[in-house]
Amino acid sequence: MKGLALDSLRQKLYYTAEGDDAKIAEISTDGTNHRVVLRQPGMKPRAVILHDECRLVAYNHSTDAVVAL
């Protein structure tokens, strides 16, 4: 895990995972409701940030991307 971002309004934690199971995922702060937000072959996410007002997750990779929540 390289990147973490907390959405305190929605009580969700977003994180990046590398390796064979590279992904960006979210989980509720109480440990429930785990969901993969984005998984693509060859993906190497390093950092994740949130834009609360627009409900967007942005991440850093060899190319940058933005995903709507």
C-alpha atoms as a PDB file:
ATOM      1  CA  MET A   1       0.000   0.000   0.000  1.00  0.00           C
ATOM      2  CA  LYS A   2       1.437   3.347  -1.040  1.00  0.00           C
ATOM      3  CA  GLY A   3      -1.361   5.913  -0.955  1.00  0.00           C
ATOM      4  CA  LEU A   4      -4.133   6.696   1.530  1.00  0.00           C
ATOM      5  CA  ALA A   5      -6.875   9.316   1.513  1.00  0.00           C
ATOM      6  CA  LEU A   6      -9.687   9.795   4.020  1.00  0.00           C
ATOM      7  CA  ASP A   7     -13.136  11.017   3.020  1.00  0.00           C
ATOM      8  CA  SER A   8     -14.332  12.222   6.433  1.00  0.00           C
ATOM      9  CA  LEU A   9     -17.744  13.312   5.110  1.00  0.00           C
ATOM     10  CA  ARG A  10     -18.626   9.847   3.795  1.00  0.00           C
ATOM     11  CA  GLN A  11     -16.506   7.947   6.340  1.00  0.00           C
ATOM     12  CA  LYS A  12     -14.482   6.120   3.674  1.00  0.00           C
ATOM     13  CA  LEU A  13     -10.798   5.357   3.339  1.00  0.00           C
ATOM     14  CA  TYR A  14      -9.296   5.146  -0.152  1.00  0.00           C
ATOM     15  CA  TYR A  15      -6.025   3.322  -0.743  1.00  0.00           C
ATOM     16  CA  THR A  16      -3.732   2.100  -3.478  1.00  0.00           C
ATOM     17  CA  ALA A  17      -2.290  -1.406  -3.685  1.00  0.00           C
ATOM     18  CA  GLU A  18       0.612  -2.495  -5.889  1.00  0.00           C
ATOM     19  CA  GLY A  19       1.878  -5.787  -7.228  1.00  0.00           C
ATOM     20  CA  ASP A  20      -0.163  -8.606  -8.757  1.00  0.00           C
ATOM     21  CA  ASP A  21      -3.366  -7.197  -7.242  1.00  0.00           C
ATOM     22  CA  ALA A  22      -2.745  -3.518  -8.101  1.00  0.00           C
ATOM     23  CA  LYS A  23      -5.863  -1.413  -7.526  1.00  0.00           C
ATOM     24  CA  ILE A  24      -7.484   1.592  -5.958  1.00  0.00           C
ATOM     25  CA  ALA A  25     -10.088   0.609  -3.407  1.00  0.00           C
ATOM     26  CA  GLU A  26     -12.329   2.092  -0.748  1.00  0.00           C
ATOM     27  CA  ILE A  27     -13.459   0.791   2.609  1.00  0.00           C
ATOM     28  CA  SER A  28     -15.715   2.273   5.276  1.00  0.00           C
ATOM     29  CA  THR A  29     -13.872   3.557   8.336  1.00  0.00           C
ATOM     30  CA  ASP A  30     -15.628   0.864  10.411  1.00  0.00           C
ATOM     31  CA  GLY A  31     -13.998  -1.846   8.237  1.00  0.00           C
ATOM     32  CA  THR A  32     -17.097  -2.770   6.215  1.00  0.00           C
ATOM     33  CA  ASN A  33     -18.164  -2.162   2.612  1.00  0.00           C
ATOM     34  CA  HIS A  34     -14.873  -2.836   0.814  1.00  0.00           C
ATOM     35  CA  ARG A  35     -15.047  -2.038  -2.912  1.00  0.00           C
ATOM     36  CA  VAL A  36     -12.483  -1.910  -5.726  1.00  0.00           C
ATOM     37  CA  VAL A  37     -12.786   1.469  -7.460  1.00  0.00           C
ATOM     38  CA  LEU A  38     -10.307   0.806 -10.275  1.00  0.00           C
ATOM     39  CA  ARG A  39      -8.212  -2.162 -11.405  1.00  0.00           C
ATOM     40  CA  GLN A  40      -6.422  -2.295 -14.753  1.00  0.00           C
ATOM     41  CA  PRO A  41      -3.666  -4.559 -16.128  1.00  0.00           C
ATOM     42  CA  GLY A  42      -0.227  -2.982 -15.720  1.00  0.00           C
ATOM     43  CA  MET A  43      -1.525  -0.441 -13.235  1.00  0.00           C
ATOM     44  CA  LYS A  44       1.012   0.906 -10.698  1.00  0.00           C
ATOM     45  CA  PRO A  45      -0.841   3.406  -8.494  1.00  0.00           C
ATOM     46  CA  ARG A  46       1.326   5.310  -6.015  1.00  0.00           C
ATOM     47  CA  ALA A  47      -0.765   8.091  -4.506  1.00  0.00           C
ATOM     48  CA  VAL A  48      -4.458   8.890  -4.200  1.00  0.00           C
ATOM     49  CA  ILE A  49      -6.213  12.167  -3.393  1.00  0.00           C
ATOM     50  CA  LEU A  50      -9.862  13.178  -3.059  1.00  0.00           C
ATOM     51  CA  HIS A  51     -11.821  16.158  -4.288  1.00  0.00           C
ATOM     52  CA  ASP A  52     -14.820  16.094  -1.946  1.00  0.00           C
ATOM     53  CA  GLU A  53     -16.931  18.745  -3.666  1.00  0.00           C
ATOM     54  CA  CYS A  54     -16.698  17.075  -7.087  1.00  0.00           C
ATOM     55  CA  ARG A  55     -16.704  13.534  -5.641  1.00  0.00           C
ATOM     56  CA  LEU A  56     -13.557  12.615  -7.578  1.00  0.00           C
ATOM     57  CA  VAL A  57     -10.632  10.362  -6.777  1.00  0.00           C
ATOM     58  CA  ALA A  58      -7.350  11.221  -8.506  1.00  0.00           C
ATOM     59  CA  TYR A  59      -4.300   9.008  -8.471  1.00  0.00           C
ATOM     60  CA  ASN A  60      -0.693   9.135  -9.570  1.00  0.00           C
ATOM     61  CA  HIS A  61       0.651   6.515 -11.951  1.00  0.00           C
ATOM     62  CA  SER A  62       2.959   6.637 -14.941  1.00  0.00           C
ATOM     63  CA  THR A  63       0.029   8.603 -16.376  1.00  0.00           C
ATOM     64  CA  ASP A  64      -2.400  10.546 -14.188  1.00  0.00           C
ATOM     65  CA  ALA A  65      -6.087   9.667 -14.068  1.00  0.00           C
ATOM     66  CA  VAL A  66      -9.307  10.850 -12.435  1.00  0.00           C
ATOM     67  CA  VAL A  67     -12.219   8.564 -11.536  1.00  0.00           C
ATOM     68  CA  ALA A  68     -15.718   9.694 -10.489  1.00  0.00           C
ATOM     69  CA  LEU A  69     -16.972   8.214  -7.207  1.00  0.00           C
END
